[in-house]
Each structure stands twice: as C-alpha cells, then as structure tokens.
Amino acid sequence: MFDYNEAKPGSIGWDGNLEGKTARIIATMDTPKILYRLLYTAPSVNQLKKTTLEFCGVKPVKVTQLAPAKGSTQEKREHWVKTVHELGTKGA
C-alpha cells in the first residue's frame, strides 16, 4: 500500500510509508486566526495534519493560515498570493 501498513502481529500501531516526506497545509478561512486556534482549536487543520498526514508518516507538517478572507482587501489577497508563491518556490 502507498500510505501505511497495519502493525505486524505483536506490535502496536502502524508503519507510515510516507516517512521522510514533508507537507505544508495552506488554509484560508473567514475566522480570524487567533479565534480559530484558541476558541475552536483548529479542527480542520488538526484533522488533516494529525489523522491523515502524520498518520501516514509525513513529518514535519507546517501550516500557513490566511485569514480572515471575508472582507480582506485586494492588497491583502495579493500579499497572500505572493507569500504562497514564495513558499512554493522555496519548497518550504
């Protein structure tokens, strides 16, 4: 399988087949970042990061949050596009 192997008999857990791979989650949202992390505990980012990517052995998983999108200015959105482009160029 590509993503993970179930544990061998007598062992605990699983073997992630994507060990040595890294990832970056880029999330846009309308909720301000501080509220999303403190009030809601970042559920969608944590789900993707922990129960999907890290489960399959991907580490580290970095997160870039672009928020709030609703009501953002054209200048702010252009800055986000530039930021994401730079991250992609660096492979960060």
N, C-alpha and C. Protein backbone atom coordinates (compact mmCIF):
# COMPACT_ATOMS: atom_id res chain seq x y z
N MET A 1 0.83 -1.18 0.00
CA MET A 1 0.00 0.00 0.00
C MET A 1 0.88 1.25 0.00
N PHE A 2 0.31 2.34 -0.46
CA PHE A 2 1.07 3.57 -0.58
C PHE A 2 1.18 4.35 0.72
N ASP A 3 0.10 4.38 1.49
CA ASP A 3 0.04 5.30 2.63
C ASP A 3 0.56 4.72 3.94
N TYR A 4 0.11 3.54 4.37
CA TYR A 4 0.57 2.95 5.62
C TYR A 4 0.33 1.45 5.61
N ASN A 5 1.05 0.75 6.47
CA ASN A 5 0.84 -0.69 6.68
C ASN A 5 0.33 -0.89 8.08
N GLU A 6 -0.62 -1.77 8.23
CA GLU A 6 -1.09 -2.09 9.58
C GLU A 6 0.04 -2.75 10.35
N ALA A 7 -0.04 -2.68 11.65
CA ALA A 7 1.02 -3.24 12.50
C ALA A 7 1.15 -4.74 12.29
N LYS A 8 2.38 -5.17 12.43
CA LYS A 8 2.62 -6.60 12.36
C LYS A 8 2.11 -7.24 13.65
N PRO A 9 1.73 -8.50 13.62
CA PRO A 9 1.25 -9.16 14.85
C PRO A 9 2.25 -8.97 16.00
N GLY A 10 1.73 -8.59 17.16
CA GLY A 10 2.57 -8.39 18.33
C GLY A 10 3.11 -6.98 18.49
N SER A 11 2.93 -6.12 17.48
CA SER A 11 3.40 -4.75 17.60
C SER A 11 2.21 -3.81 17.76
N ILE A 12 2.50 -2.59 18.13
CA ILE A 12 1.45 -1.61 18.35
C ILE A 12 1.59 -0.52 17.30
N GLY A 13 0.46 -0.14 16.68
CA GLY A 13 0.48 0.99 15.76
C GLY A 13 0.54 0.57 14.31
N TRP A 14 1.25 1.36 13.52
CA TRP A 14 1.32 1.17 12.08
C TRP A 14 2.64 1.70 11.57
N ASP A 15 2.96 1.37 10.36
CA ASP A 15 4.15 1.87 9.70
C ASP A 15 3.72 2.86 8.62
N GLY A 16 4.10 4.12 8.76
CA GLY A 16 3.77 5.12 7.75
C GLY A 16 4.71 5.00 6.57
N ASN A 17 4.18 4.79 5.39
CA ASN A 17 5.01 4.63 4.21
C ASN A 17 5.49 5.94 3.62
N LEU A 18 5.05 7.05 4.18
CA LEU A 18 5.46 8.35 3.66
C LEU A 18 6.50 9.00 4.56
N GLU A 19 7.19 8.23 5.37
CA GLU A 19 8.24 8.78 6.24
C GLU A 19 9.30 9.43 5.36
N GLY A 20 9.82 10.54 5.85
CA GLY A 20 10.80 11.29 5.09
C GLY A 20 10.18 12.35 4.18
N LYS A 21 8.87 12.34 4.07
CA LYS A 21 8.16 13.35 3.28
C LYS A 21 7.71 14.47 4.20
N THR A 22 7.59 15.67 3.65
CA THR A 22 7.11 16.82 4.41
C THR A 22 5.89 17.40 3.71
N ALA A 23 5.17 18.25 4.42
CA ALA A 23 3.98 18.86 3.83
C ALA A 23 3.76 20.25 4.42
N ARG A 24 3.01 21.03 3.68
CA ARG A 24 2.55 22.32 4.18
C ARG A 24 1.07 22.43 3.85
N ILE A 25 0.29 22.72 4.87
CA ILE A 25 -1.14 22.97 4.70
C ILE A 25 -1.32 24.47 4.55
N ILE A 26 -1.98 24.88 3.50
CA ILE A 26 -2.31 26.29 3.30
C ILE A 26 -3.82 26.40 3.42
N ALA A 27 -4.27 27.06 4.47
CA ALA A 27 -5.70 27.13 4.76
C ALA A 27 -6.18 28.57 4.72
N THR A 28 -7.26 28.79 3.99
CA THR A 28 -7.91 30.09 4.02
C THR A 28 -9.20 29.95 4.82
N MET A 29 -9.57 30.98 5.51
CA MET A 29 -10.79 30.93 6.33
C MET A 29 -11.28 32.33 6.60
N ASP A 30 -12.52 32.42 7.05
CA ASP A 30 -13.09 33.71 7.40
C ASP A 30 -12.88 34.06 8.87
N THR A 31 -12.67 33.05 9.70
CA THR A 31 -12.46 33.26 11.12
C THR A 31 -11.06 33.80 11.36
N PRO A 32 -10.89 34.83 12.17
CA PRO A 32 -9.54 35.30 12.49
C PRO A 32 -8.70 34.17 13.09
N LYS A 33 -7.41 34.15 12.73
CA LYS A 33 -6.53 33.05 13.14
C LYS A 33 -6.53 32.80 14.64
N ILE A 34 -6.45 33.84 15.43
CA ILE A 34 -6.37 33.66 16.88
C ILE A 34 -7.63 33.00 17.42
N LEU A 35 -8.80 33.38 16.93
CA LEU A 35 -10.05 32.74 17.37
C LEU A 35 -10.11 31.29 16.92
N TYR A 36 -9.67 31.04 15.69
CA TYR A 36 -9.71 29.68 15.15
C TYR A 36 -8.87 28.73 16.01
N ARG A 37 -7.70 29.20 16.43
CA ARG A 37 -6.82 28.34 17.24
C ARG A 37 -7.27 28.24 18.68
N LEU A 38 -7.62 29.35 19.30
CA LEU A 38 -7.93 29.33 20.73
C LEU A 38 -9.36 28.89 21.03
N LEU A 39 -10.31 29.40 20.29
CA LEU A 39 -11.71 29.11 20.55
C LEU A 39 -12.15 27.77 19.96
N TYR A 40 -11.74 27.52 18.73
CA TYR A 40 -12.18 26.30 18.04
C TYR A 40 -11.14 25.19 18.03
N THR A 41 -9.93 25.46 18.47
CA THR A 41 -8.79 24.53 18.50
C THR A 41 -8.42 23.98 17.11
N ALA A 42 -8.62 24.76 16.08
CA ALA A 42 -8.20 24.45 14.71
C ALA A 42 -8.59 23.05 14.24
N PRO A 43 -9.87 22.69 14.25
CA PRO A 43 -10.26 21.32 13.97
C PRO A 43 -9.91 20.81 12.57
N SER A 44 -10.16 21.59 11.54
CA SER A 44 -9.90 21.07 10.20
C SER A 44 -8.41 20.92 9.93
N VAL A 45 -7.61 21.87 10.40
CA VAL A 45 -6.17 21.77 10.22
C VAL A 45 -5.62 20.59 11.03
N ASN A 46 -6.05 20.45 12.27
CA ASN A 46 -5.58 19.33 13.09
C ASN A 46 -5.97 17.99 12.50
N GLN A 47 -7.18 17.89 11.97
CA GLN A 47 -7.61 16.62 11.38
C GLN A 47 -6.71 16.26 10.21
N LEU A 48 -6.49 17.17 9.30
CA LEU A 48 -5.66 16.89 8.15
C LEU A 48 -4.22 16.61 8.56
N LYS A 49 -3.70 17.41 9.48
CA LYS A 49 -2.32 17.27 9.90
C LYS A 49 -2.07 15.97 10.68
N LYS A 50 -2.86 15.73 11.70
CA LYS A 50 -2.59 14.61 12.60
C LYS A 50 -3.15 13.28 12.13
N THR A 51 -4.42 13.26 11.73
CA THR A 51 -5.03 11.97 11.45
C THR A 51 -4.89 11.53 9.99
N THR A 52 -4.34 12.39 9.15
CA THR A 52 -4.11 11.97 7.78
C THR A 52 -2.61 11.99 7.45
N LEU A 53 -2.01 13.16 7.46
CA LEU A 53 -0.62 13.27 7.03
C LEU A 53 0.36 12.60 8.00
N GLU A 54 0.31 12.96 9.28
CA GLU A 54 1.23 12.36 10.24
C GLU A 54 0.97 10.87 10.43
N PHE A 55 -0.28 10.45 10.32
CA PHE A 55 -0.63 9.03 10.41
C PHE A 55 0.11 8.23 9.34
N CYS A 56 0.27 8.83 8.17
CA CYS A 56 0.93 8.15 7.06
C CYS A 56 2.45 8.36 7.07
N GLY A 57 2.97 9.06 8.09
CA GLY A 57 4.40 9.22 8.24
C GLY A 57 4.96 10.55 7.76
N VAL A 58 4.12 11.44 7.28
CA VAL A 58 4.58 12.74 6.79
C VAL A 58 4.91 13.63 7.98
N LYS A 59 6.17 14.07 8.06
CA LYS A 59 6.61 14.97 9.14
C LYS A 59 7.84 15.71 8.65
N PRO A 60 7.98 16.97 8.95
CA PRO A 60 7.02 17.81 9.65
C PRO A 60 5.91 18.28 8.71
N VAL A 61 4.80 18.66 9.32
CA VAL A 61 3.69 19.25 8.59
C VAL A 61 3.57 20.70 9.09
N LYS A 62 3.87 21.62 8.21
CA LYS A 62 3.78 23.04 8.56
C LYS A 62 2.42 23.57 8.11
N VAL A 63 1.99 24.64 8.78
CA VAL A 63 0.67 25.21 8.48
C VAL A 63 0.81 26.70 8.22
N THR A 64 0.21 27.15 7.13
CA THR A 64 0.10 28.57 6.83
C THR A 64 -1.38 28.89 6.76
N GLN A 65 -1.83 29.79 7.63
CA GLN A 65 -3.23 30.18 7.66
C GLN A 65 -3.38 31.60 7.12
N LEU A 66 -4.27 31.75 6.17
CA LEU A 66 -4.53 33.05 5.57
C LEU A 66 -5.94 33.45 5.96
N ALA A 67 -6.04 34.42 6.85
CA ALA A 67 -7.36 34.78 7.38
C ALA A 67 -7.32 36.19 7.95
N PRO A 68 -8.48 36.80 8.09
CA PRO A 68 -9.78 36.41 7.57
C PRO A 68 -9.91 36.79 6.10
N ALA A 69 -10.45 35.89 5.31
CA ALA A 69 -10.61 36.12 3.87
C ALA A 69 -11.78 37.06 3.60
N LYS A 70 -12.86 36.85 4.34
CA LYS A 70 -14.05 37.69 4.15
C LYS A 70 -13.71 39.13 4.56
N GLY A 71 -13.96 40.02 3.66
CA GLY A 71 -13.69 41.43 3.94
C GLY A 71 -12.24 41.84 3.72
N SER A 72 -11.40 40.92 3.26
CA SER A 72 -9.99 41.27 3.03
C SER A 72 -9.88 42.17 1.80
N THR A 73 -8.86 42.98 1.79
CA THR A 73 -8.65 43.90 0.68
C THR A 73 -7.93 43.17 -0.46
N GLN A 74 -8.02 43.76 -1.64
CA GLN A 74 -7.30 43.22 -2.80
C GLN A 74 -5.80 43.18 -2.50
N GLU A 75 -5.30 44.22 -1.84
CA GLU A 75 -3.88 44.29 -1.48
C GLU A 75 -3.50 43.13 -0.57
N LYS A 76 -4.33 42.82 0.41
CA LYS A 76 -4.05 41.72 1.34
C LYS A 76 -4.03 40.39 0.60
N ARG A 77 -5.00 40.18 -0.29
CA ARG A 77 -5.05 38.92 -1.05
C ARG A 77 -3.85 38.79 -1.98
N GLU A 78 -3.42 39.88 -2.57
CA GLU A 78 -2.22 39.85 -3.41
C GLU A 78 -0.99 39.50 -2.58
N HIS A 79 -0.94 40.00 -1.35
CA HIS A 79 0.15 39.65 -0.44
C HIS A 79 0.13 38.15 -0.13
N TRP A 80 -1.05 37.59 0.09
CA TRP A 80 -1.16 36.15 0.36
C TRP A 80 -0.68 35.34 -0.84
N VAL A 81 -1.07 35.76 -2.04
CA VAL A 81 -0.62 35.04 -3.24
C VAL A 81 0.90 35.09 -3.35
N LYS A 82 1.48 36.25 -3.06
CA LYS A 82 2.94 36.39 -3.10
C LYS A 82 3.59 35.48 -2.06
N THR A 83 3.01 35.44 -0.85
CA THR A 83 3.54 34.59 0.22
C THR A 83 3.52 33.12 -0.19
N VAL A 84 2.39 32.67 -0.73
CA VAL A 84 2.25 31.27 -1.14
C VAL A 84 3.21 30.96 -2.29
N HIS A 85 3.36 31.88 -3.22
CA HIS A 85 4.29 31.69 -4.32
C HIS A 85 5.72 31.52 -3.81
N GLU A 86 6.10 32.37 -2.85
CA GLU A 86 7.45 32.28 -2.28
C GLU A 86 7.65 30.96 -1.55
N LEU A 87 6.65 30.50 -0.82
CA LEU A 87 6.75 29.21 -0.13
C LEU A 87 6.93 28.08 -1.15
N GLY A 88 6.17 28.15 -2.24
CA GLY A 88 6.28 27.12 -3.27
C GLY A 88 7.63 27.15 -3.98
N THR A 89 8.14 28.35 -4.22
CA THR A 89 9.45 28.49 -4.88
C THR A 89 10.56 27.92 -4.00
N LYS A 90 10.48 28.18 -2.70
CA LYS A 90 11.49 27.67 -1.77
C LYS A 90 11.29 26.19 -1.45
N GLY A 91 10.09 25.68 -1.75
CA GLY A 91 9.80 24.30 -1.37
C GLY A 91 9.65 24.17 0.13
N ALA A 92 9.22 25.26 0.78
CA ALA A 92 9.13 25.29 2.23
C ALA A 92 7.85 24.66 2.66
